[in-house]
Amino acid sequence: IRTAWARHERLAASPGTVAMVLPLVLK
């Protein structure tokens, strides 16, 4: 399960994209 979610995370967004999008979601 961890491996499957890890791959999904990497294909969903890069860490830089997470840093860019997530603050908008939280606000």
mmCIF file of all heavy atoms, coordinates in Angstrom:
data_MODEL
# 
_entry.id   MODEL 
# 
loop_
_atom_site.group_PDB 
_atom_site.id 
_atom_site.type_symbol 
_atom_site.label_atom_id 
_atom_site.label_alt_id 
_atom_site.label_comp_id 
_atom_site.label_asym_id 
_atom_site.label_entity_id 
_atom_site.label_seq_id 
_atom_site.pdbx_PDB_ins_code 
_atom_site.Cartn_x 
_atom_site.Cartn_y 
_atom_site.Cartn_z 
_atom_site.occupancy 
_atom_site.B_iso_or_equiv 
_atom_site.pdbx_formal_charge 
_atom_site.auth_seq_id 
_atom_site.auth_comp_id 
_atom_site.auth_asym_id 
_atom_site.auth_atom_id 
_atom_site.pdbx_PDB_model_num 
ATOM 1   N N   . ILE A 1 1  ? 0.830  -1.200 0.000   1.00 0.00 ? 1  ILE A N   1 
ATOM 2   C CA  . ILE A 1 1  ? 0.000  0.000  0.000   1.00 0.00 ? 1  ILE A CA  1 
ATOM 3   C C   . ILE A 1 1  ? 0.866  1.252  0.000   1.00 0.00 ? 1  ILE A C   1 
ATOM 4   O O   . ILE A 1 1  ? 0.610  2.211  -0.735  1.00 0.00 ? 1  ILE A O   1 
ATOM 5   C CB  . ILE A 1 1  ? -0.959 -0.015 1.206   1.00 0.00 ? 1  ILE A CB  1 
ATOM 6   C CG1 . ILE A 1 1  ? -1.970 -1.153 1.066   1.00 0.00 ? 1  ILE A CG1 1 
ATOM 7   C CG2 . ILE A 1 1  ? -1.667 1.325  1.356   1.00 0.00 ? 1  ILE A CG2 1 
ATOM 8   C CD1 . ILE A 1 1  ? -2.844 -1.363 2.279   1.00 0.00 ? 1  ILE A CD1 1 
ATOM 9   N N   . ARG A 1 2  ? 1.932  1.249  0.821   1.00 0.00 ? 2  ARG A N   1 
ATOM 10  C CA  . ARG A 1 2  ? 2.826  2.402  0.865   1.00 0.00 ? 2  ARG A CA  1 
ATOM 11  C C   . ARG A 1 2  ? 3.450  2.670  -0.497  1.00 0.00 ? 2  ARG A C   1 
ATOM 12  O O   . ARG A 1 2  ? 3.499  3.815  -0.964  1.00 0.00 ? 2  ARG A O   1 
ATOM 13  C CB  . ARG A 1 2  ? 3.934  2.182  1.911   1.00 0.00 ? 2  ARG A CB  1 
ATOM 14  C CG  . ARG A 1 2  ? 4.826  3.427  2.082   1.00 0.00 ? 2  ARG A CG  1 
ATOM 15  C CD  . ARG A 1 2  ? 6.177  3.070  2.665   1.00 0.00 ? 2  ARG A CD  1 
ATOM 16  N NE  . ARG A 1 2  ? 6.985  2.275  1.739   1.00 0.00 ? 2  ARG A NE  1 
ATOM 17  C CZ  . ARG A 1 2  ? 7.647  2.765  0.691   1.00 0.00 ? 2  ARG A CZ  1 
ATOM 18  N NH1 . ARG A 1 2  ? 7.584  4.054  0.398   1.00 0.00 ? 2  ARG A NH1 1 
ATOM 19  N NH2 . ARG A 1 2  ? 8.366  1.970  -0.091  1.00 0.00 ? 2  ARG A NH2 1 
ATOM 20  N N   . THR A 1 3  ? 3.927  1.613  -1.155  1.00 0.00 ? 3  THR A N   1 
ATOM 21  C CA  . THR A 1 3  ? 4.572  1.755  -2.458  1.00 0.00 ? 3  THR A CA  1 
ATOM 22  C C   . THR A 1 3  ? 3.603  2.319  -3.495  1.00 0.00 ? 3  THR A C   1 
ATOM 23  O O   . THR A 1 3  ? 3.967  3.167  -4.315  1.00 0.00 ? 3  THR A O   1 
ATOM 24  C CB  . THR A 1 3  ? 5.122  0.403  -2.931  1.00 0.00 ? 3  THR A CB  1 
ATOM 25  O OG1 . THR A 1 3  ? 6.073  -0.085 -1.969  1.00 0.00 ? 3  THR A OG1 1 
ATOM 26  C CG2 . THR A 1 3  ? 5.801  0.532  -4.281  1.00 0.00 ? 3  THR A CG2 1 
ATOM 27  N N   . ALA A 1 4  ? 2.350  1.851  -3.464  1.00 0.00 ? 4  ALA A N   1 
ATOM 28  C CA  . ALA A 1 4  ? 1.350  2.328  -4.418  1.00 0.00 ? 4  ALA A CA  1 
ATOM 29  C C   . ALA A 1 4  ? 1.048  3.808  -4.208  1.00 0.00 ? 4  ALA A C   1 
ATOM 30  O O   . ALA A 1 4  ? 0.972  4.590  -5.167  1.00 0.00 ? 4  ALA A O   1 
ATOM 31  C CB  . ALA A 1 4  ? 0.068  1.502  -4.289  1.00 0.00 ? 4  ALA A CB  1 
ATOM 32  N N   . TRP A 1 5  ? 0.901  4.209  -2.938  1.00 0.00 ? 5  TRP A N   1 
ATOM 33  C CA  . TRP A 1 5  ? 0.629  5.618  -2.665  1.00 0.00 ? 5  TRP A CA  1 
ATOM 34  C C   . TRP A 1 5  ? 1.837  6.492  -2.973  1.00 0.00 ? 5  TRP A C   1 
ATOM 35  O O   . TRP A 1 5  ? 1.702  7.631  -3.432  1.00 0.00 ? 5  TRP A O   1 
ATOM 36  C CB  . TRP A 1 5  ? 0.195  5.807  -1.212  1.00 0.00 ? 5  TRP A CB  1 
ATOM 37  C CG  . TRP A 1 5  ? -1.252 5.515  -0.987  1.00 0.00 ? 5  TRP A CG  1 
ATOM 38  C CD1 . TRP A 1 5  ? -1.785 4.450  -0.324  1.00 0.00 ? 5  TRP A CD1 1 
ATOM 39  C CD2 . TRP A 1 5  ? -2.364 6.296  -1.445  1.00 0.00 ? 5  TRP A CD2 1 
ATOM 40  N NE1 . TRP A 1 5  ? -3.163 4.510  -0.326  1.00 0.00 ? 5  TRP A NE1 1 
ATOM 41  C CE2 . TRP A 1 5  ? -3.537 5.636  -1.009  1.00 0.00 ? 5  TRP A CE2 1 
ATOM 42  C CE3 . TRP A 1 5  ? -2.483 7.475  -2.175  1.00 0.00 ? 5  TRP A CE3 1 
ATOM 43  C CZ2 . TRP A 1 5  ? -4.807 6.134  -1.285  1.00 0.00 ? 5  TRP A CZ2 1 
ATOM 44  C CZ3 . TRP A 1 5  ? -3.751 7.961  -2.448  1.00 0.00 ? 5  TRP A CZ3 1 
ATOM 45  C CH2 . TRP A 1 5  ? -4.895 7.301  -2.009  1.00 0.00 ? 5  TRP A CH2 1 
ATOM 46  N N   . ALA A 1 6  ? 3.039  5.966  -2.730  1.00 0.00 ? 6  ALA A N   1 
ATOM 47  C CA  . ALA A 1 6  ? 4.250  6.729  -3.034  1.00 0.00 ? 6  ALA A CA  1 
ATOM 48  C C   . ALA A 1 6  ? 4.327  7.044  -4.521  1.00 0.00 ? 6  ALA A C   1 
ATOM 49  O O   . ALA A 1 6  ? 4.641  8.173  -4.925  1.00 0.00 ? 6  ALA A O   1 
ATOM 50  C CB  . ALA A 1 6  ? 5.484  5.939  -2.582  1.00 0.00 ? 6  ALA A CB  1 
ATOM 51  N N   . ARG A 1 7  ? 4.047  6.048  -5.352  1.00 0.00 ? 7  ARG A N   1 
ATOM 52  C CA  . ARG A 1 7  ? 4.068  6.264  -6.805  1.00 0.00 ? 7  ARG A CA  1 
ATOM 53  C C   . ARG A 1 7  ? 2.992  7.260  -7.213  1.00 0.00 ? 7  ARG A C   1 
ATOM 54  O O   . ARG A 1 7  ? 3.219  8.132  -8.059  1.00 0.00 ? 7  ARG A O   1 
ATOM 55  C CB  . ARG A 1 7  ? 3.887  4.933  -7.526  1.00 0.00 ? 7  ARG A CB  1 
ATOM 56  C CG  . ARG A 1 7  ? 3.971  5.047  -9.049  1.00 0.00 ? 7  ARG A CG  1 
ATOM 57  C CD  . ARG A 1 7  ? 4.109  3.673  -9.689  1.00 0.00 ? 7  ARG A CD  1 
ATOM 58  N NE  . ARG A 1 7  ? 4.248  3.788  -11.132 1.00 0.00 ? 7  ARG A NE  1 
ATOM 59  C CZ  . ARG A 1 7  ? 3.278  3.475  -11.997 1.00 0.00 ? 7  ARG A CZ  1 
ATOM 60  N NH1 . ARG A 1 7  ? 2.119  3.004  -11.555 1.00 0.00 ? 7  ARG A NH1 1 
ATOM 61  N NH2 . ARG A 1 7  ? 3.468  3.610  -13.288 1.00 0.00 ? 7  ARG A NH2 1 
ATOM 62  N N   . HIS A 1 8  ? 1.813  7.129  -6.618  1.00 0.00 ? 8  HIS A N   1 
ATOM 63  C CA  . HIS A 1 8  ? 0.734  8.056  -6.930  1.00 0.00 ? 8  HIS A CA  1 
ATOM 64  C C   . HIS A 1 8  ? 1.129  9.485  -6.571  1.00 0.00 ? 8  HIS A C   1 
ATOM 65  O O   . HIS A 1 8  ? 0.899  10.418 -7.356  1.00 0.00 ? 8  HIS A O   1 
ATOM 66  C CB  . HIS A 1 8  ? -0.540 7.666  -6.180  1.00 0.00 ? 8  HIS A CB  1 
ATOM 67  C CG  . HIS A 1 8  ? -1.660 8.649  -6.347  1.00 0.00 ? 8  HIS A CG  1 
ATOM 68  N ND1 . HIS A 1 8  ? -1.897 9.656  -5.436  1.00 0.00 ? 8  HIS A ND1 1 
ATOM 69  C CD2 . HIS A 1 8  ? -2.569 8.814  -7.339  1.00 0.00 ? 8  HIS A CD2 1 
ATOM 70  C CE1 . HIS A 1 8  ? -2.922 10.377 -5.860  1.00 0.00 ? 8  HIS A CE1 1 
ATOM 71  N NE2 . HIS A 1 8  ? -3.348 9.899  -7.005  1.00 0.00 ? 8  HIS A NE2 1 
ATOM 72  N N   . GLU A 1 9  ? 1.730  9.678  -5.399  1.00 0.00 ? 9  GLU A N   1 
ATOM 73  C CA  . GLU A 1 9  ? 2.148  11.019 -5.000  1.00 0.00 ? 9  GLU A CA  1 
ATOM 74  C C   . GLU A 1 9  ? 3.142  11.610 -5.997  1.00 0.00 ? 9  GLU A C   1 
ATOM 75  O O   . GLU A 1 9  ? 3.023  12.780 -6.388  1.00 0.00 ? 9  GLU A O   1 
ATOM 76  C CB  . GLU A 1 9  ? 2.783  10.971 -3.606  1.00 0.00 ? 9  GLU A CB  1 
ATOM 77  C CG  . GLU A 1 9  ? 1.778  10.724 -2.494  1.00 0.00 ? 9  GLU A CG  1 
ATOM 78  C CD  . GLU A 1 9  ? 2.458  10.492 -1.159  1.00 0.00 ? 9  GLU A CD  1 
ATOM 79  O OE1 . GLU A 1 9  ? 3.694  10.670 -1.069  1.00 0.00 ? 9  GLU A OE1 1 
ATOM 80  O OE2 . GLU A 1 9  ? 1.761  10.121 -0.204  1.00 0.00 ? 9  GLU A OE2 1 
ATOM 81  N N   . ARG A 1 10 ? 4.122  10.804 -6.408  1.00 0.00 ? 10 ARG A N   1 
ATOM 82  C CA  . ARG A 1 10 ? 5.146  11.320 -7.318  1.00 0.00 ? 10 ARG A CA  1 
ATOM 83  C C   . ARG A 1 10 ? 4.569  11.697 -8.666  1.00 0.00 ? 10 ARG A C   1 
ATOM 84  O O   . ARG A 1 10 ? 5.035  12.659 -9.313  1.00 0.00 ? 10 ARG A O   1 
ATOM 85  C CB  . ARG A 1 10 ? 6.256  10.278 -7.484  1.00 0.00 ? 10 ARG A CB  1 
ATOM 86  C CG  . ARG A 1 10 ? 7.083  10.054 -6.218  1.00 0.00 ? 10 ARG A CG  1 
ATOM 87  C CD  . ARG A 1 10 ? 8.324  9.233  -6.499  1.00 0.00 ? 10 ARG A CD  1 
ATOM 88  N NE  . ARG A 1 10 ? 8.019  7.892  -6.976  1.00 0.00 ? 10 ARG A NE  1 
ATOM 89  C CZ  . ARG A 1 10 ? 7.877  6.821  -6.190  1.00 0.00 ? 10 ARG A CZ  1 
ATOM 90  N NH1 . ARG A 1 10 ? 7.967  6.957  -4.863  1.00 0.00 ? 10 ARG A NH1 1 
ATOM 91  N NH2 . ARG A 1 10 ? 7.634  5.634  -6.698  1.00 0.00 ? 10 ARG A NH2 1 
ATOM 92  N N   . LEU A 1 11 ? 3.558  10.966 -9.138  1.00 0.00 ? 11 LEU A N   1 
ATOM 93  C CA  . LEU A 1 11 ? 2.950  11.279 -10.426 1.00 0.00 ? 11 LEU A CA  1 
ATOM 94  C C   . LEU A 1 11 ? 1.876  12.363 -10.307 1.00 0.00 ? 11 LEU A C   1 
ATOM 95  O O   . LEU A 1 11 ? 1.511  12.987 -11.304 1.00 0.00 ? 11 LEU A O   1 
ATOM 96  C CB  . LEU A 1 11 ? 2.351  10.012 -11.050 1.00 0.00 ? 11 LEU A CB  1 
ATOM 97  C CG  . LEU A 1 11 ? 3.367  8.947  -11.474 1.00 0.00 ? 11 LEU A CG  1 
ATOM 98  C CD1 . LEU A 1 11 ? 2.655  7.719  -12.043 1.00 0.00 ? 11 LEU A CD1 1 
ATOM 99  C CD2 . LEU A 1 11 ? 4.345  9.510  -12.503 1.00 0.00 ? 11 LEU A CD2 1 
ATOM 100 N N   . ALA A 1 12 ? 1.375  12.566 -9.099  1.00 0.00 ? 12 ALA A N   1 
ATOM 101 C CA  . ALA A 1 12 ? 0.361  13.600 -8.892  1.00 0.00 ? 12 ALA A CA  1 
ATOM 102 C C   . ALA A 1 12 ? 0.980  14.985 -8.852  1.00 0.00 ? 12 ALA A C   1 
ATOM 103 O O   . ALA A 1 12 ? 0.414  15.947 -9.392  1.00 0.00 ? 12 ALA A O   1 
ATOM 104 C CB  . ALA A 1 12 ? -0.398 13.327 -7.596  1.00 0.00 ? 12 ALA A CB  1 
ATOM 105 N N   . ALA A 1 13 ? 2.153  15.101 -8.220  1.00 0.00 ? 13 ALA A N   1 
ATOM 106 C CA  . ALA A 1 13 ? 2.777  16.421 -8.081  1.00 0.00 ? 13 ALA A CA  1 
ATOM 107 C C   . ALA A 1 13 ? 4.205  16.258 -7.595  1.00 0.00 ? 13 ALA A C   1 
ATOM 108 O O   . ALA A 1 13 ? 4.527  15.290 -6.902  1.00 0.00 ? 13 ALA A O   1 
ATOM 109 C CB  . ALA A 1 13 ? 1.996  17.281 -7.088  1.00 0.00 ? 13 ALA A CB  1 
ATOM 110 N N   . SER A 1 14 ? 5.034  17.222 -7.930  1.00 0.00 ? 14 SER A N   1 
ATOM 111 C CA  . SER A 1 14 ? 6.387  17.280 -7.377  1.00 0.00 ? 14 SER A CA  1 
ATOM 112 C C   . SER A 1 14 ? 6.318  17.977 -6.022  1.00 0.00 ? 14 SER A C   1 
ATOM 113 O O   . SER A 1 14 ? 5.338  18.669 -5.708  1.00 0.00 ? 14 SER A O   1 
ATOM 114 C CB  . SER A 1 14 ? 7.311  18.057 -8.313  1.00 0.00 ? 14 SER A CB  1 
ATOM 115 O OG  . SER A 1 14 ? 6.940  19.430 -8.318  1.00 0.00 ? 14 SER A OG  1 
ATOM 116 N N   . PRO A 1 15 ? 7.356  17.844 -5.186  1.00 0.00 ? 15 PRO A N   1 
ATOM 117 C CA  . PRO A 1 15 ? 7.358  18.588 -3.919  1.00 0.00 ? 15 PRO A CA  1 
ATOM 118 C C   . PRO A 1 15 ? 7.195  20.094 -4.119  1.00 0.00 ? 15 PRO A C   1 
ATOM 119 O O   . PRO A 1 15 ? 6.549  20.765 -3.306  1.00 0.00 ? 15 PRO A O   1 
ATOM 120 C CB  . PRO A 1 15 ? 8.724  18.234 -3.317  1.00 0.00 ? 15 PRO A CB  1 
ATOM 121 C CG  . PRO A 1 15 ? 9.039  16.884 -3.880  1.00 0.00 ? 15 PRO A CG  1 
ATOM 122 C CD  . PRO A 1 15 ? 8.504  16.916 -5.285  1.00 0.00 ? 15 PRO A CD  1 
ATOM 123 N N   . GLY A 1 16 ? 7.765  20.626 -5.214  1.00 0.00 ? 16 GLY A N   1 
ATOM 124 C CA  . GLY A 1 16 ? 7.613  22.046 -5.488  1.00 0.00 ? 16 GLY A CA  1 
ATOM 125 C C   . GLY A 1 16 ? 6.168  22.431 -5.763  1.00 0.00 ? 16 GLY A C   1 
ATOM 126 O O   . GLY A 1 16 ? 5.704  23.497 -5.346  1.00 0.00 ? 16 GLY A O   1 
ATOM 127 N N   . THR A 1 17 ? 5.452  21.565 -6.458  1.00 0.00 ? 17 THR A N   1 
ATOM 128 C CA  . THR A 1 17 ? 4.035  21.828 -6.722  1.00 0.00 ? 17 THR A CA  1 
ATOM 129 C C   . THR A 1 17 ? 3.229  21.760 -5.437  1.00 0.00 ? 17 THR A C   1 
ATOM 130 O O   . THR A 1 17 ? 2.317  22.559 -5.218  1.00 0.00 ? 17 THR A O   1 
ATOM 131 C CB  . THR A 1 17 ? 3.488  20.822 -7.746  1.00 0.00 ? 17 THR A CB  1 
ATOM 132 O OG1 . THR A 1 17 ? 4.198  20.974 -8.978  1.00 0.00 ? 17 THR A OG1 1 
ATOM 133 C CG2 . THR A 1 17 ? 2.003  21.039 -7.992  1.00 0.00 ? 17 THR A CG2 1 
ATOM 134 N N   . VAL A 1 18 ? 3.554  20.802 -4.580  1.00 0.00 ? 18 VAL A N   1 
ATOM 135 C CA  . VAL A 1 18 ? 2.894  20.711 -3.278  1.00 0.00 ? 18 VAL A CA  1 
ATOM 136 C C   . VAL A 1 18 ? 3.096  22.012 -2.505  1.00 0.00 ? 18 VAL A C   1 
ATOM 137 O O   . VAL A 1 18 ? 2.153  22.557 -1.920  1.00 0.00 ? 18 VAL A O   1 
ATOM 138 C CB  . VAL A 1 18 ? 3.427  19.516 -2.467  1.00 0.00 ? 18 VAL A CB  1 
ATOM 139 C CG1 . VAL A 1 18 ? 2.820  19.495 -1.064  1.00 0.00 ? 18 VAL A CG1 1 
ATOM 140 C CG2 . VAL A 1 18 ? 3.121  18.208 -3.178  1.00 0.00 ? 18 VAL A CG2 1 
ATOM 141 N N   . ALA A 1 19 ? 4.315  22.524 -2.512  1.00 0.00 ? 19 ALA A N   1 
ATOM 142 C CA  . ALA A 1 19 ? 4.620  23.763 -1.805  1.00 0.00 ? 19 ALA A CA  1 
ATOM 143 C C   . ALA A 1 19 ? 3.850  24.946 -2.384  1.00 0.00 ? 19 ALA A C   1 
ATOM 144 O O   . ALA A 1 19 ? 3.546  25.906 -1.668  1.00 0.00 ? 19 ALA A O   1 
ATOM 145 C CB  . ALA A 1 19 ? 6.123  24.036 -1.873  1.00 0.00 ? 19 ALA A CB  1 
ATOM 146 N N   . MET A 1 20 ? 3.523  24.883 -3.660  1.00 0.00 ? 20 MET A N   1 
ATOM 147 C CA  . MET A 1 20 ? 2.832  25.977 -4.335  1.00 0.00 ? 20 MET A CA  1 
ATOM 148 C C   . MET A 1 20 ? 1.312  25.895 -4.143  1.00 0.00 ? 20 MET A C   1 
ATOM 149 O O   . MET A 1 20 ? 0.642  26.907 -3.935  1.00 0.00 ? 20 MET A O   1 
ATOM 150 C CB  . MET A 1 20 ? 3.174  25.929 -5.835  1.00 0.00 ? 20 MET A CB  1 
ATOM 151 C CG  . MET A 1 20 ? 2.683  27.099 -6.642  1.00 0.00 ? 20 MET A CG  1 
ATOM 152 S SD  . MET A 1 20 ? 3.407  27.121 -8.313  1.00 0.00 ? 20 MET A SD  1 
ATOM 153 C CE  . MET A 1 20 ? 2.953  25.489 -8.940  1.00 0.00 ? 20 MET A CE  1 
ATOM 154 N N   . VAL A 1 21 ? 0.760  24.679 -4.202  1.00 0.00 ? 21 VAL A N   1 
ATOM 155 C CA  . VAL A 1 21 ? -0.696 24.498 -4.203  1.00 0.00 ? 21 VAL A CA  1 
ATOM 156 C C   . VAL A 1 21 ? -1.270 24.358 -2.797  1.00 0.00 ? 21 VAL A C   1 
ATOM 157 O O   . VAL A 1 21 ? -2.325 24.927 -2.491  1.00 0.00 ? 21 VAL A O   1 
ATOM 158 C CB  . VAL A 1 21 ? -1.078 23.275 -5.054  1.00 0.00 ? 21 VAL A CB  1 
ATOM 159 C CG1 . VAL A 1 21 ? -2.570 22.980 -4.939  1.00 0.00 ? 21 VAL A CG1 1 
ATOM 160 C CG2 . VAL A 1 21 ? -0.685 23.489 -6.513  1.00 0.00 ? 21 VAL A CG2 1 
ATOM 161 N N   . LEU A 1 22 ? -0.606 23.611 -1.935  1.00 0.00 ? 22 LEU A N   1 
ATOM 162 C CA  . LEU A 1 22 ? -1.189 23.293 -0.639  1.00 0.00 ? 22 LEU A CA  1 
ATOM 163 C C   . LEU A 1 22 ? -1.504 24.519 0.214   1.00 0.00 ? 22 LEU A C   1 
ATOM 164 O O   . LEU A 1 22 ? -2.565 24.564 0.852   1.00 0.00 ? 22 LEU A O   1 
ATOM 165 C CB  . LEU A 1 22 ? -0.276 22.324 0.120   1.00 0.00 ? 22 LEU A CB  1 
ATOM 166 C CG  . LEU A 1 22 ? -0.865 21.643 1.357   1.00 0.00 ? 22 LEU A CG  1 
ATOM 167 C CD1 . LEU A 1 22 ? -2.203 21.001 1.043   1.00 0.00 ? 22 LEU A CD1 1 
ATOM 168 C CD2 . LEU A 1 22 ? 0.114  20.607 1.910   1.00 0.00 ? 22 LEU A CD2 1 
ATOM 169 N N   . PRO A 1 23 ? -0.641 25.540 0.254   1.00 0.00 ? 23 PRO A N   1 
ATOM 170 C CA  . PRO A 1 23 ? -1.016 26.731 1.037   1.00 0.00 ? 23 PRO A CA  1 
ATOM 171 C C   . PRO A 1 23 ? -2.307 27.381 0.554   1.00 0.00 ? 23 PRO A C   1 
ATOM 172 O O   . PRO A 1 23 ? -3.085 27.908 1.357   1.00 0.00 ? 23 PRO A O   1 
ATOM 173 C CB  . PRO A 1 23 ? 0.187  27.671 0.837   1.00 0.00 ? 23 PRO A CB  1 
ATOM 174 C CG  . PRO A 1 23 ? 1.331  26.758 0.587   1.00 0.00 ? 23 PRO A CG  1 
ATOM 175 C CD  . PRO A 1 23 ? 0.755  25.640 -0.241  1.00 0.00 ? 23 PRO A CD  1 
ATOM 176 N N   . LEU A 1 24 ? -2.559 27.332 -0.752  1.00 0.00 ? 24 LEU A N   1 
ATOM 177 C CA  . LEU A 1 24 ? -3.813 27.883 -1.272  1.00 0.00 ? 24 LEU A CA  1 
ATOM 178 C C   . LEU A 1 24 ? -5.004 27.097 -0.749  1.00 0.00 ? 24 LEU A C   1 
ATOM 179 O O   . LEU A 1 24 ? -6.040 27.667 -0.397  1.00 0.00 ? 24 LEU A O   1 
ATOM 180 C CB  . LEU A 1 24 ? -3.807 27.853 -2.805  1.00 0.00 ? 24 LEU A CB  1 
ATOM 181 C CG  . LEU A 1 24 ? -2.809 28.761 -3.515  1.00 0.00 ? 24 LEU A CG  1 
ATOM 182 C CD1 . LEU A 1 24 ? -2.956 28.604 -5.023  1.00 0.00 ? 24 LEU A CD1 1 
ATOM 183 C CD2 . LEU A 1 24 ? -3.019 30.205 -3.118  1.00 0.00 ? 24 LEU A CD2 1 
ATOM 184 N N   . VAL A 1 25 ? -4.861 25.772 -0.718  1.00 0.00 ? 25 VAL A N   1 
ATOM 185 C CA  . VAL A 1 25 ? -5.943 24.923 -0.223  1.00 0.00 ? 25 VAL A CA  1 
ATOM 186 C C   . VAL A 1 25 ? -6.238 25.244 1.239   1.00 0.00 ? 25 VAL A C   1 
ATOM 187 O O   . VAL A 1 25 ? -7.404 25.351 1.652   1.00 0.00 ? 25 VAL A O   1 
ATOM 188 C CB  . VAL A 1 25 ? -5.572 23.436 -0.392  1.00 0.00 ? 25 VAL A CB  1 
ATOM 189 C CG1 . VAL A 1 25 ? -6.637 22.540 0.227   1.00 0.00 ? 25 VAL A CG1 1 
ATOM 190 C CG2 . VAL A 1 25 ? -5.379 23.090 -1.862  1.00 0.00 ? 25 VAL A CG2 1 
ATOM 191 N N   . LEU A 1 26 ? -5.192 25.398 2.041   1.00 0.00 ? 26 LEU A N   1 
ATOM 192 C CA  . LEU A 1 26 ? -5.367 25.635 3.471   1.00 0.00 ? 26 LEU A CA  1 
ATOM 193 C C   . LEU A 1 26 ? -5.966 27.013 3.759   1.00 0.00 ? 26 LEU A C   1 
ATOM 194 O O   . LEU A 1 26 ? -6.614 27.210 4.792   1.00 0.00 ? 26 LEU A O   1 
ATOM 195 C CB  . LEU A 1 26 ? -4.028 25.486 4.191   1.00 0.00 ? 26 LEU A CB  1 
ATOM 196 C CG  . LEU A 1 26 ? -3.388 24.096 4.127   1.00 0.00 ? 26 LEU A CG  1 
ATOM 197 C CD1 . LEU A 1 26 ? -2.078 24.080 4.893   1.00 0.00 ? 26 LEU A CD1 1 
ATOM 198 C CD2 . LEU A 1 26 ? -4.329 23.031 4.673   1.00 0.00 ? 26 LEU A CD2 1 
ATOM 199 N N   . LYS A 1 27 ? -5.758 27.977 2.872   1.00 0.00 ? 27 LYS A N   1 
ATOM 200 C CA  . LYS A 1 27 ? -6.291 29.325 3.072   1.00 0.00 ? 27 LYS A CA  1 
ATOM 201 C C   . LYS A 1 27 ? -7.733 29.461 2.588   1.00 0.00 ? 27 LYS A C   1 
ATOM 202 O O   . LYS A 1 27 ? -8.401 30.453 2.892   1.00 0.00 ? 27 LYS A O   1 
ATOM 203 C CB  . LYS A 1 27 ? -5.417 30.351 2.341   1.00 0.00 ? 27 LYS A CB  1 
ATOM 204 C CG  . LYS A 1 27 ? -4.030 30.513 2.939   1.00 0.00 ? 27 LYS A CG  1 
ATOM 205 C CD  . LYS A 1 27 ? -3.185 31.464 2.095   1.00 0.00 ? 27 LYS A CD  1 
ATOM 206 C CE  . LYS A 1 27 ? -1.772 31.579 2.640   1.00 0.00 ? 27 LYS A CE  1 
ATOM 207 N NZ  . LYS A 1 27 ? -0.913 32.436 1.780   1.00 0.00 ? 27 LYS A NZ  1 
# 
